[in-house]
Structures are given as C-alpha cells and as structure tokens.
Amino acid sequence: MFTFAALALALLGYVVMALWNAVLPAVTGLHAITFLQALGLLVLSRILFGGLRGWERRGGHWRARMQARWQHMTPEERERFRDVLGSRHACCQTDTSARPSSQAQ
C-alpha cells in the first residue's frame, strides 16, 4: 500500500509539473517549476483547500448528521423529503403542500 501511495504521489507531482510547465510560462510568463516544487504545490493546495483532515473522513460529519435527522423523521416527512430531493426543481421549492396545484386546470 505504501508503494502504491508513493507511486500515485509521484505521478500526481509529475502531472502538476507538466501542466504547469506547459501552460503557465506561455500564458503568464511565470517560470517553469521542478518536480519538488510541484510536490510542494500539491501539499500547499491540500493545506489551503482540503484542510488537515484525512482523506477517508471527507464528508463524514455531514453523513452522520443526515443519518441522525433521518432517524428522527416521521414516514411522512421522509416521503416529502424524497419528493423534494427527487424533483427537478428541488432548489426552488419550499413547501409543496401550500402551493395551488397547476394540474387542476
């Protein structure tokens, strides 16, 4: 497993270096970077954008909260949640029971 992780890190570092050196010097005039600088960029971006948590814990807090909420819902609330989540315009609907039906026309 350690060998696989080291190979994956090396490959990712090489990809970052190759992309940087292929695009940024020509577009922005920045200097080309070395392999070690590419690895440093990976670490820096992980710290800045990914936090210091482990990879396997990503989304764990959200998942635990949703499971707790789901356990406390009644069957009617669960069904309404599924309907809203599965509908095409779920982001725009707030309460479907208070809205007049457009199918009655």
PDB file of N, CA and C in Angstrom:
ATOM      1  N   MET A   1       0.828  -1.194   0.000  1.00  0.00           N
ATOM      2  CA  MET A   1       0.000   0.000   0.000  1.00  0.00           C
ATOM      3  C   MET A   1       0.874   1.260   0.000  1.00  0.00           C
ATOM      4  N   PHE A   2       1.980   1.194   0.754  1.00  0.00           N
ATOM      5  CA  PHE A   2       2.885   2.344   0.802  1.00  0.00           C
ATOM      6  C   PHE A   2       3.489   2.604  -0.580  1.00  0.00           C
ATOM      7  N   THR A   3       3.831   1.534  -1.286  1.00  0.00           N
ATOM      8  CA  THR A   3       4.413   1.670  -2.624  1.00  0.00           C
ATOM      9  C   THR A   3       3.405   2.293  -3.579  1.00  0.00           C
ATOM     10  N   PHE A   4       2.164   1.848  -3.499  1.00  0.00           N
ATOM     11  CA  PHE A   4       1.119   2.411  -4.351  1.00  0.00           C
ATOM     12  C   PHE A   4       0.926   3.902  -4.063  1.00  0.00           C
ATOM     13  N   ALA A   5       0.913   4.285  -2.787  1.00  0.00           N
ATOM     14  CA  ALA A   5       0.739   5.694  -2.418  1.00  0.00           C
ATOM     15  C   ALA A   5       1.906   6.532  -2.926  1.00  0.00           C
ATOM     16  N   ALA A   6       3.125   6.006  -2.818  1.00  0.00           N
ATOM     17  CA  ALA A   6       4.300   6.736  -3.292  1.00  0.00           C
ATOM     18  C   ALA A   6       4.262   6.898  -4.808  1.00  0.00           C
ATOM     19  N   LEU A   7       3.855   5.856  -5.523  1.00  0.00           N
ATOM     20  CA  LEU A   7       3.745   5.952  -6.985  1.00  0.00           C
ATOM     21  C   LEU A   7       2.658   6.932  -7.399  1.00  0.00           C
ATOM     22  N   ALA A   8       1.539   6.905  -6.694  1.00  0.00           N
ATOM     23  CA  ALA A   8       0.448   7.838  -7.002  1.00  0.00           C
ATOM     24  C   ALA A   8       0.879   9.279  -6.751  1.00  0.00           C
ATOM     25  N   LEU A   9       1.587   9.521  -5.669  1.00  0.00           N
ATOM     26  CA  LEU A   9       2.080  10.866  -5.357  1.00  0.00           C
ATOM     27  C   LEU A   9       3.082  11.325  -6.405  1.00  0.00           C
ATOM     28  N   ALA A  10       3.981  10.425  -6.808  1.00  0.00           N
ATOM     29  CA  ALA A  10       4.968  10.769  -7.831  1.00  0.00           C
ATOM     30  C   ALA A  10       4.283  11.086  -9.159  1.00  0.00           C
ATOM     31  N   LEU A  11       3.305  10.294  -9.536  1.00  0.00           N
ATOM     32  CA  LEU A  11       2.583  10.535 -10.782  1.00  0.00           C
ATOM     33  C   LEU A  11       1.814  11.852 -10.725  1.00  0.00           C
ATOM     34  N   LEU A  12       1.165  12.113  -9.615  1.00  0.00           N
ATOM     35  CA  LEU A  12       0.424  13.362  -9.461  1.00  0.00           C
ATOM     36  C   LEU A  12       1.367  14.562  -9.495  1.00  0.00           C
ATOM     37  N   GLY A  13       2.518  14.436  -8.860  1.00  0.00           N
ATOM     38  CA  GLY A  13       3.514  15.505  -8.904  1.00  0.00           C
ATOM     39  C   GLY A  13       4.011  15.759 -10.313  1.00  0.00           C
ATOM     40  N   TYR A  14       4.230  14.682 -11.052  1.00  0.00           N
ATOM     41  CA  TYR A  14       4.677  14.833 -12.435  1.00  0.00           C
ATOM     42  C   TYR A  14       3.601  15.505 -13.288  1.00  0.00           C
ATOM     43  N   VAL A  15       2.343  15.129 -13.081  1.00  0.00           N
ATOM     44  CA  VAL A  15       1.242  15.737 -13.849  1.00  0.00           C
ATOM     45  C   VAL A  15       1.146  17.231 -13.547  1.00  0.00           C
ATOM     46  N   VAL A  16       1.248  17.603 -12.271  1.00  0.00           N
ATOM     47  CA  VAL A  16       1.195  19.027 -11.898  1.00  0.00           C
ATOM     48  C   VAL A  16       2.359  19.776 -12.545  1.00  0.00           C
ATOM     49  N   MET A  17       3.558  19.204 -12.480  1.00  0.00           N
ATOM     50  CA  MET A  17       4.732  19.842 -13.073  1.00  0.00           C
ATOM     51  C   MET A  17       4.554  19.999 -14.580  1.00  0.00           C
ATOM     52  N   ALA A  18       4.097  18.944 -15.251  1.00  0.00           N
ATOM     53  CA  ALA A  18       3.940  19.002 -16.700  1.00  0.00           C
ATOM     54  C   ALA A  18       2.879  20.027 -17.114  1.00  0.00           C
ATOM     55  N   LEU A  19       1.762  20.045 -16.404  1.00  0.00           N
ATOM     56  CA  LEU A  19       0.716  21.015 -16.739  1.00  0.00           C
ATOM     57  C   LEU A  19       1.175  22.444 -16.482  1.00  0.00           C
ATOM     58  N   TRP A  20       1.815  22.665 -15.362  1.00  0.00           N
ATOM     59  CA  TRP A  20       2.326  23.997 -15.048  1.00  0.00           C
ATOM     60  C   TRP A  20       3.296  24.455 -16.133  1.00  0.00           C
ATOM     61  N   ASN A  21       4.266  23.599 -16.447  1.00  0.00           N
ATOM     62  CA  ASN A  21       5.305  23.980 -17.404  1.00  0.00           C
ATOM     63  C   ASN A  21       4.774  24.103 -18.828  1.00  0.00           C
ATOM     64  N   ALA A  22       3.699  23.413 -19.143  1.00  0.00           N
ATOM     65  CA  ALA A  22       3.137  23.508 -20.484  1.00  0.00           C
ATOM     66  C   ALA A  22       2.246  24.739 -20.658  1.00  0.00           C
ATOM     67  N   VAL A  23       1.592  25.166 -19.588  1.00  0.00           N
ATOM     68  CA  VAL A  23       0.593  26.228 -19.730  1.00  0.00           C
ATOM     69  C   VAL A  23       1.058  27.575 -19.181  1.00  0.00           C
ATOM     70  N   LEU A  24       1.448  27.614 -17.936  1.00  0.00           N
ATOM     71  CA  LEU A  24       1.652  28.906 -17.271  1.00  0.00           C
ATOM     72  C   LEU A  24       2.818  29.735 -17.799  1.00  0.00           C
ATOM     73  N   PRO A  25       3.970  29.174 -18.131  1.00  0.00           N
ATOM     74  CA  PRO A  25       5.026  30.045 -18.676  1.00  0.00           C
ATOM     75  C   PRO A  25       4.610  30.727 -19.986  1.00  0.00           C
ATOM     76  N   ALA A  26       3.901  30.034 -20.842  1.00  0.00           N
ATOM     77  CA  ALA A  26       3.492  30.622 -22.117  1.00  0.00           C
ATOM     78  C   ALA A  26       2.381  31.654 -21.941  1.00  0.00           C
ATOM     79  N   VAL A  27       1.467  31.398 -21.005  1.00  0.00           N
ATOM     80  CA  VAL A  27       0.311  32.281 -20.839  1.00  0.00           C
ATOM     81  C   VAL A  27       0.621  33.478 -19.953  1.00  0.00           C
ATOM     82  N   THR A  28       1.300  33.246 -18.827  1.00  0.00           N
ATOM     83  CA  THR A  28       1.500  34.316 -17.850  1.00  0.00           C
ATOM     84  C   THR A  28       2.942  34.789 -17.736  1.00  0.00           C
ATOM     85  N   GLY A  29       3.890  34.074 -18.315  1.00  0.00           N
ATOM     86  CA  GLY A  29       5.293  34.456 -18.209  1.00  0.00           C
ATOM     87  C   GLY A  29       5.963  33.975 -16.935  1.00  0.00           C
ATOM     88  N   LEU A  30       5.280  33.125 -16.158  1.00  0.00           N
ATOM     89  CA  LEU A  30       5.890  32.566 -14.950  1.00  0.00           C
ATOM     90  C   LEU A  30       6.967  31.560 -15.340  1.00  0.00           C
ATOM     91  N   HIS A  31       7.873  31.309 -14.426  1.00  0.00           N
ATOM     92  CA  HIS A  31       8.960  30.374 -14.687  1.00  0.00           C
ATOM     93  C   HIS A  31       8.464  28.930 -14.588  1.00  0.00           C
ATOM     94  N   ALA A  32       9.181  28.034 -15.247  1.00  0.00           N
ATOM     95  CA  ALA A  32       8.904  26.605 -15.139  1.00  0.00           C
ATOM     96  C   ALA A  32       9.278  26.131 -13.738  1.00  0.00           C
ATOM     97  N   ILE A  33       8.636  25.064 -13.268  1.00  0.00           N
ATOM     98  CA  ILE A  33       8.913  24.554 -11.925  1.00  0.00           C
ATOM     99  C   ILE A  33       9.544  23.169 -12.007  1.00  0.00           C
ATOM    100  N   THR A  34      10.189  22.780 -10.911  1.00  0.00           N
ATOM    101  CA  THR A  34      10.799  21.451 -10.822  1.00  0.00           C
ATOM    102  C   THR A  34       9.797  20.465 -10.225  1.00  0.00           C
ATOM    103  N   PHE A  35      10.186  19.207 -10.208  1.00  0.00           N
ATOM    104  CA  PHE A  35       9.339  18.168  -9.637  1.00  0.00           C
ATOM    105  C   PHE A  35       9.089  18.421  -8.154  1.00  0.00           C
ATOM    106  N   LEU A  36      10.106  18.792  -7.408  1.00  0.00           N
ATOM    107  CA  LEU A  36       9.935  19.059  -5.976  1.00  0.00           C
ATOM    108  C   LEU A  36       9.031  20.265  -5.729  1.00  0.00           C
ATOM    109  N   GLN A  37       9.127  21.267  -6.574  1.00  0.00           N
ATOM    110  CA  GLN A  37       8.232  22.417  -6.439  1.00  0.00           C
ATOM    111  C   GLN A  37       6.786  22.009  -6.734  1.00  0.00           C
ATOM    112  N   ALA A  38       6.589  21.105  -7.680  1.00  0.00           N
ATOM    113  CA  ALA A  38       5.241  20.611  -7.974  1.00  0.00           C
ATOM    114  C   ALA A  38       4.680  19.853  -6.778  1.00  0.00           C
ATOM    115  N   LEU A  39       5.517  19.031  -6.129  1.00  0.00           N
ATOM    116  CA  LEU A  39       5.062  18.337  -4.916  1.00  0.00           C
ATOM    117  C   LEU A  39       4.730  19.341  -3.816  1.00  0.00           C
ATOM    118  N   GLY A  40       5.524  20.392  -3.697  1.00  0.00           N
ATOM    119  CA  GLY A  40       5.236  21.445  -2.726  1.00  0.00           C
ATOM    120  C   GLY A  40       3.907  22.130  -3.012  1.00  0.00           C
ATOM    121  N   LEU A  41       3.609  22.351  -4.284  1.00  0.00           N
ATOM    122  CA  LEU A  41       2.316  22.934  -4.646  1.00  0.00           C
ATOM    123  C   LEU A  41       1.160  22.015  -4.270  1.00  0.00           C
ATOM    124  N   LEU A  42       1.351  20.712  -4.452  1.00  0.00           N
ATOM    125  CA  LEU A  42       0.319  19.757  -4.052  1.00  0.00           C
ATOM    126  C   LEU A  42       0.060  19.819  -2.555  1.00  0.00           C
ATOM    127  N   VAL A  43       1.124  19.850  -1.775  1.00  0.00           N
ATOM    128  CA  VAL A  43       0.976  19.922  -0.316  1.00  0.00           C
ATOM    129  C   VAL A  43       0.315  21.235   0.082  1.00  0.00           C
ATOM    130  N   LEU A  44       0.763  22.330  -0.511  1.00  0.00           N
ATOM    131  CA  LEU A  44       0.193  23.633  -0.191  1.00  0.00           C
ATOM    132  C   LEU A  44      -1.292  23.698  -0.557  1.00  0.00           C
ATOM    133  N   SER A  45      -1.654  23.178  -1.720  1.00  0.00           N
ATOM    134  CA  SER A  45      -3.064  23.213  -2.105  1.00  0.00           C
ATOM    135  C   SER A  45      -3.904  22.313  -1.202  1.00  0.00           C
ATOM    136  N   ARG A  46      -3.342  21.216  -0.747  1.00  0.00           N
ATOM    137  CA  ARG A  46      -4.060  20.332   0.190  1.00  0.00           C
ATOM    138  C   ARG A  46      -4.303  21.065   1.514  1.00  0.00           C
ATOM    139  N   ILE A  47      -3.316  21.777   1.990  1.00  0.00           N
ATOM    140  CA  ILE A  47      -3.479  22.521   3.244  1.00  0.00           C
ATOM    141  C   ILE A  47      -4.494  23.647   3.077  1.00  0.00           C
ATOM    142  N   LEU A  48      -4.392  24.401   1.989  1.00  0.00           N
ATOM    143  CA  LEU A  48      -5.265  25.556   1.803  1.00  0.00           C
ATOM    144  C   LEU A  48      -6.699  25.183   1.451  1.00  0.00           C
ATOM    145  N   PHE A  49      -6.882  24.192   0.609  1.00  0.00           N
ATOM    146  CA  PHE A  49      -8.213  23.886   0.102  1.00  0.00           C
ATOM    147  C   PHE A  49      -8.834  22.628   0.697  1.00  0.00           C
ATOM    148  N   GLY A  50      -8.022  21.730   1.204  1.00  0.00           N
ATOM    149  CA  GLY A  50      -8.556  20.478   1.715  1.00  0.00           C
ATOM    150  C   GLY A  50      -8.533  20.362   3.215  1.00  0.00           C
ATOM    151  N   GLY A  51      -7.907  21.291   3.885  1.00  0.00           N
ATOM    152  CA  GLY A  51      -7.791  21.201   5.327  1.00  0.00           C
ATOM    153  C   GLY A  51      -6.770  20.149   5.733  1.00  0.00           C
ATOM    154  N   LEU A  52      -6.692  19.879   7.012  1.00  0.00           N
ATOM    155  CA  LEU A  52      -5.711  18.926   7.520  1.00  0.00           C
ATOM    156  C   LEU A  52      -6.341  17.606   7.909  1.00  0.00           C
ATOM    157  N   ARG A  53      -7.626  17.423   7.617  1.00  0.00           N
ATOM    158  CA  ARG A  53      -8.285  16.156   7.910  1.00  0.00           C
ATOM    159  C   ARG A  53      -7.780  15.086   6.962  1.00  0.00           C
ATOM    160  N   GLY A  54      -8.017  13.841   7.337  1.00  0.00           N
ATOM    161  CA  GLY A  54      -7.630  12.728   6.486  1.00  0.00           C
ATOM    162  C   GLY A  54      -8.565  12.595   5.293  1.00  0.00           C
ATOM    163  N   TRP A  55      -8.095  11.935   4.242  1.00  0.00           N
ATOM    164  CA  TRP A  55      -8.891  11.755   3.028  1.00  0.00           C
ATOM    165  C   TRP A  55     -10.131  10.912   3.301  1.00  0.00           C
ATOM    166  N   GLU A  56     -10.009   9.881   4.141  1.00  0.00           N
ATOM    167  CA  GLU A  56     -11.119   8.961   4.360  1.00  0.00           C
ATOM    168  C   GLU A  56     -12.251   9.591   5.169  1.00  0.00           C
ATOM    169  N   ARG A  57     -12.022  10.689   5.838  1.00  0.00           N
ATOM    170  CA  ARG A  57     -13.043  11.322   6.673  1.00  0.00           C
ATOM    171  C   ARG A  57     -13.857  12.360   5.915  1.00  0.00           C
ATOM    172  N   ARG A  58     -13.581  12.554   4.659  1.00  0.00           N
ATOM    173  CA  ARG A  58     -14.257  13.582   3.890  1.00  0.00           C
ATOM    174  C   ARG A  58     -15.769  13.327   3.859  1.00  0.00           C
ATOM    175  N   GLY A  59     -16.541  14.289   4.317  1.00  0.00           N
ATOM    176  CA  GLY A  59     -17.990  14.164   4.304  1.00  0.00           C
ATOM    177  C   GLY A  59     -18.565  13.364   5.459  1.00  0.00           C
ATOM    178  N   GLY A  60     -17.746  12.890   6.369  1.00  0.00           N
ATOM    179  CA  GLY A  60     -18.219  12.048   7.455  1.00  0.00           C
ATOM    180  C   GLY A  60     -19.148  12.775   8.415  1.00  0.00           C
ATOM    181  N   HIS A  61     -18.861  14.024   8.700  1.00  0.00           N
ATOM    182  CA  HIS A  61     -19.697  14.787   9.628  1.00  0.00           C
ATOM    183  C   HIS A  61     -21.074  15.038   9.019  1.00  0.00           C
ATOM    184  N   TRP A  62     -21.122  15.382   7.745  1.00  0.00           N
ATOM    185  CA  TRP A  62     -22.390  15.632   7.078  1.00  0.00           C
ATOM    186  C   TRP A  62     -23.230  14.359   7.048  1.00  0.00           C
ATOM    187  N   ARG A  63     -22.590  13.254   6.732  1.00  0.00           N
ATOM    188  CA  ARG A  63     -23.299  11.978   6.634  1.00  0.00           C
ATOM    189  C   ARG A  63     -23.893  11.588   7.994  1.00  0.00           C
ATOM    190  N   ALA A  64     -23.136  11.776   9.063  1.00  0.00           N
ATOM    191  CA  ALA A  64     -23.621  11.425  10.399  1.00  0.00           C
ATOM    192  C   ALA A  64     -24.804  12.312  10.801  1.00  0.00           C
ATOM    193  N   ARG A  65     -24.736  13.588  10.476  1.00  0.00           N
ATOM    194  CA  ARG A  65     -25.852  14.495  10.794  1.00  0.00           C
ATOM    195  C   ARG A  65     -27.109  14.119  10.027  1.00  0.00           C
ATOM    196  N   MET A  66     -26.946  13.781   8.742  1.00  0.00           N
ATOM    197  CA  MET A  66     -28.109  13.409   7.948  1.00  0.00           C
ATOM    198  C   MET A  66     -28.724  12.101   8.438  1.00  0.00           C
ATOM    199  N   GLN A  67     -27.910  11.154   8.854  1.00  0.00           N
ATOM    200  CA  GLN A  67     -28.449   9.907   9.390  1.00  0.00           C
ATOM    201  C   GLN A  67     -29.222  10.156  10.674  1.00  0.00           C
ATOM    202  N   ALA A  68     -28.718  11.048  11.522  1.00  0.00           N
ATOM    203  CA  ALA A  68     -29.427  11.368  12.760  1.00  0.00           C
ATOM    204  C   ALA A  68     -30.764  12.052  12.462  1.00  0.00           C
ATOM    205  N   ARG A  69     -30.765  12.978  11.501  1.00  0.00           N
ATOM    206  CA  ARG A  69     -32.015  13.645  11.128  1.00  0.00           C
ATOM    207  C   ARG A  69     -33.005  12.655  10.532  1.00  0.00           C
ATOM    208  N   TRP A  70     -32.502  11.751   9.704  1.00  0.00           N
ATOM    209  CA  TRP A  70     -33.366  10.754   9.063  1.00  0.00           C
ATOM    210  C   TRP A  70     -34.027   9.858  10.102  1.00  0.00           C
ATOM    211  N   GLN A  71     -33.303   9.493  11.151  1.00  0.00           N
ATOM    212  CA  GLN A  71     -33.853   8.628  12.200  1.00  0.00           C
ATOM    213  C   GLN A  71     -34.986   9.305  12.961  1.00  0.00           C
ATOM    214  N   HIS A  72     -34.943  10.635  13.062  1.00  0.00           N
ATOM    215  CA  HIS A  72     -35.967  11.355  13.819  1.00  0.00           C
ATOM    216  C   HIS A  72     -37.147  11.801  12.956  1.00  0.00           C
ATOM    217  N   MET A  73     -37.113  11.547  11.658  1.00  0.00           N
ATOM    218  CA  MET A  73     -38.221  11.930  10.776  1.00  0.00           C
ATOM    219  C   MET A  73     -39.348  10.905  10.850  1.00  0.00           C
ATOM    220  N   THR A  74     -40.554  11.414  10.680  1.00  0.00           N
ATOM    221  CA  THR A  74     -41.700  10.514  10.561  1.00  0.00           C
ATOM    222  C   THR A  74     -41.716   9.971   9.127  1.00  0.00           C
ATOM    223  N   PRO A  75     -42.460   8.899   8.870  1.00  0.00           N
ATOM    224  CA  PRO A  75     -42.536   8.385   7.494  1.00  0.00           C
ATOM    225  C   PRO A  75     -43.060   9.427   6.497  1.00  0.00           C
ATOM    226  N   GLU A  76     -43.976  10.285   6.922  1.00  0.00           N
ATOM    227  CA  GLU A  76     -44.496  11.324   6.037  1.00  0.00           C
ATOM    228  C   GLU A  76     -43.408  12.339   5.708  1.00  0.00           C
ATOM    229  N   GLU A  77     -42.612  12.724   6.719  1.00  0.00           N
ATOM    230  CA  GLU A  77     -41.529  13.662   6.474  1.00  0.00           C
ATOM    231  C   GLU A  77     -40.479  13.063   5.548  1.00  0.00           C
ATOM    232  N   ARG A  78     -40.198  11.781   5.705  1.00  0.00           N
ATOM    233  CA  ARG A  78     -39.234  11.109   4.825  1.00  0.00           C
ATOM    234  C   ARG A  78     -39.723  11.107   3.375  1.00  0.00           C
ATOM    235  N   GLU A  79     -41.005  10.815   3.203  1.00  0.00           N
ATOM    236  CA  GLU A  79     -41.568  10.796   1.853  1.00  0.00           C
ATOM    237  C   GLU A  79     -41.530  12.181   1.228  1.00  0.00           C
ATOM    238  N   ARG A  80     -41.882  13.197   1.995  1.00  0.00           N
ATOM    239  CA  ARG A  80     -41.843  14.575   1.491  1.00  0.00           C
ATOM    240  C   ARG A  80     -40.409  14.970   1.145  1.00  0.00           C
ATOM    241  N   PHE A  81     -39.435  14.560   1.970  1.00  0.00           N
ATOM    242  CA  PHE A  81     -38.028  14.836   1.699  1.00  0.00           C
ATOM    243  C   PHE A  81     -37.584  14.175   0.394  1.00  0.00           C
ATOM    244  N   ARG A  82     -37.986  12.927   0.188  1.00  0.00           N
ATOM    245  CA  ARG A  82     -37.644  12.227  -1.058  1.00  0.00           C
ATOM    246  C   ARG A  82     -38.258  12.925  -2.269  1.00  0.00           C
ATOM    247  N   ASP A  83     -39.508  13.374  -2.129  1.00  0.00           N
ATOM    248  CA  ASP A  83     -40.181  14.058  -3.236  1.00  0.00           C
ATOM    249  C   ASP A  83     -39.459  15.351  -3.603  1.00  0.00           C
ATOM    250  N   VAL A  84     -39.112  16.142  -2.611  1.00  0.00           N
ATOM    251  CA  VAL A  84     -38.440  17.412  -2.860  1.00  0.00           C
ATOM    252  C   VAL A  84     -37.047  17.172  -3.430  1.00  0.00           C
ATOM    253  N   LEU A  85     -36.327  16.226  -2.890  1.00  0.00           N
ATOM    254  CA  LEU A  85     -34.977  15.939  -3.352  1.00  0.00           C
ATOM    255  C   LEU A  85     -34.983  15.371  -4.760  1.00  0.00           C
ATOM    256  N   GLY A  86     -35.976  14.569  -5.074  1.00  0.00           N
ATOM    257  CA  GLY A  86     -36.040  13.945  -6.378  1.00  0.00           C
ATOM    258  C   GLY A  86     -36.689  14.788  -7.454  1.00  0.00           C
ATOM    259  N   SER A  87     -37.321  15.883  -7.063  1.00  0.00           N
ATOM    260  CA  SER A  87     -37.995  16.707  -8.064  1.00  0.00           C
ATOM    261  C   SER A  87     -36.967  17.472  -8.887  1.00  0.00           C
ATOM    262  N   ARG A  88     -37.389  17.903 -10.026  1.00  0.00           N
ATOM    263  CA  ARG A  88     -36.472  18.566 -10.953  1.00  0.00           C
ATOM    264  C   ARG A  88     -36.036  19.929 -10.444  1.00  0.00           C
ATOM    265  N   HIS A  89     -36.919  20.632  -9.767  1.00  0.00           N
ATOM    266  CA  HIS A  89     -36.617  21.977  -9.275  1.00  0.00           C
ATOM    267  C   HIS A  89     -36.570  21.981  -7.750  1.00  0.00           C
ATOM    268  N   ALA A  90     -35.837  21.090  -7.160  1.00  0.00           N
ATOM    269  CA  ALA A  90     -35.801  20.959  -5.705  1.00  0.00           C
ATOM    270  C   ALA A  90     -35.244  22.208  -5.038  1.00  0.00           C
ATOM    271  N   CYS A  91     -34.367  22.924  -5.701  1.00  0.00           N
ATOM    272  CA  CYS A  91     -33.770  24.100  -5.078  1.00  0.00           C
ATOM    273  C   CYS A  91     -34.765  25.256  -4.970  1.00  0.00           C
ATOM    274  N   CYS A  92     -35.798  25.252  -5.783  1.00  0.00           N
ATOM    275  CA  CYS A  92     -36.731  26.366  -5.807  1.00  0.00           C
ATOM    276  C   CYS A  92     -37.977  26.123  -4.976  1.00  0.00           C
ATOM    277  N   GLN A  93     -38.248  24.900  -4.581  1.00  0.00           N
ATOM    278  CA  GLN A  93     -39.461  24.590  -3.833  1.00  0.00           C
ATOM    279  C   GLN A  93     -39.214  24.738  -2.343  1.00  0.00           C
ATOM    280  N   THR A  94     -40.198  25.323  -1.665  1.00  0.00           N
ATOM    281  CA  THR A  94     -40.087  25.448  -0.215  1.00  0.00           C
ATOM    282  C   THR A  94     -41.130  24.590   0.474  1.00  0.00           C
ATOM    283  N   ASP A  95     -42.389  24.731   0.076  1.00  0.00           N
ATOM    284  CA  ASP A  95     -43.450  23.935   0.686  1.00  0.00           C
ATOM    285  C   ASP A  95     -44.454  23.584  -0.401  1.00  0.00           C
ATOM    286  N   THR A  96     -44.472  22.340  -0.818  1.00  0.00           N
ATOM    287  CA  THR A  96     -45.347  21.939  -1.919  1.00  0.00           C
ATOM    288  C   THR A  96     -46.795  21.802  -1.481  1.00  0.00           C
ATOM    289  N   SER A  97     -47.065  21.623  -0.192  1.00  0.00           N
ATOM    290  CA  SER A  97     -48.445  21.449   0.260  1.00  0.00           C
ATOM    291  C   SER A  97     -49.211  22.769   0.267  1.00  0.00           C
ATOM    292  N   ALA A  98     -48.544  23.908   0.401  1.00  0.00           N
ATOM    293  CA  ALA A  98     -49.222  25.188   0.464  1.00  0.00           C
ATOM    294  C   ALA A  98     -49.436  25.801  -0.923  1.00  0.00           C
ATOM    295  N   ARG A  99     -48.838  25.237  -1.958  1.00  0.00           N
ATOM    296  CA  ARG A  99     -48.925  25.772  -3.289  1.00  0.00           C
ATOM    297  C   ARG A  99     -50.136  25.199  -4.023  1.00  0.00           C
ATOM    298  N   PRO A 100     -50.889  26.036  -4.740  1.00  0.00           N
ATOM    299  CA  PRO A 100     -52.032  25.510  -5.500  1.00  0.00           C
ATOM    300  C   PRO A 100     -51.531  24.632  -6.639  1.00  0.00           C
ATOM    301  N   SER A 101     -52.285  23.599  -6.936  1.00  0.00           N
ATOM    302  CA  SER A 101     -51.890  22.667  -7.977  1.00  0.00           C
ATOM    303  C   SER A 101     -52.179  23.236  -9.349  1.00  0.00           C
ATOM    304  N   SER A 102     -51.209  23.159 -10.262  1.00  0.00           N
ATOM    305  CA  SER A 102     -51.397  23.655 -11.623  1.00  0.00           C
ATOM    306  C   SER A 102     -52.056  22.597 -12.506  1.00  0.00           C
ATOM    307  N   GLN A 103     -52.205  21.358 -11.994  1.00  0.00           N
ATOM    308  CA  GLN A 103     -52.795  20.295 -12.773  1.00  0.00           C
ATOM    309  C   GLN A 103     -54.326  20.316 -12.712  1.00  0.00           C
ATOM    310  N   ALA A 104     -54.891  21.097 -11.839  1.00  0.00           N
ATOM    311  CA  ALA A 104     -56.347  21.133 -11.676  1.00  0.00           C
ATOM    312  C   ALA A 104     -57.025  21.859 -12.833  1.00  0.00           C
ATOM    313  N   GLN A 105     -56.292  22.579 -13.650  1.00  0.00           N
ATOM    314  CA  GLN A 105     -56.890  23.369 -14.731  1.00  0.00           C
ATOM    315  C   GLN A 105     -57.292  22.523 -15.866  1.00  0.00           C
TER     316      GLN A 105
END
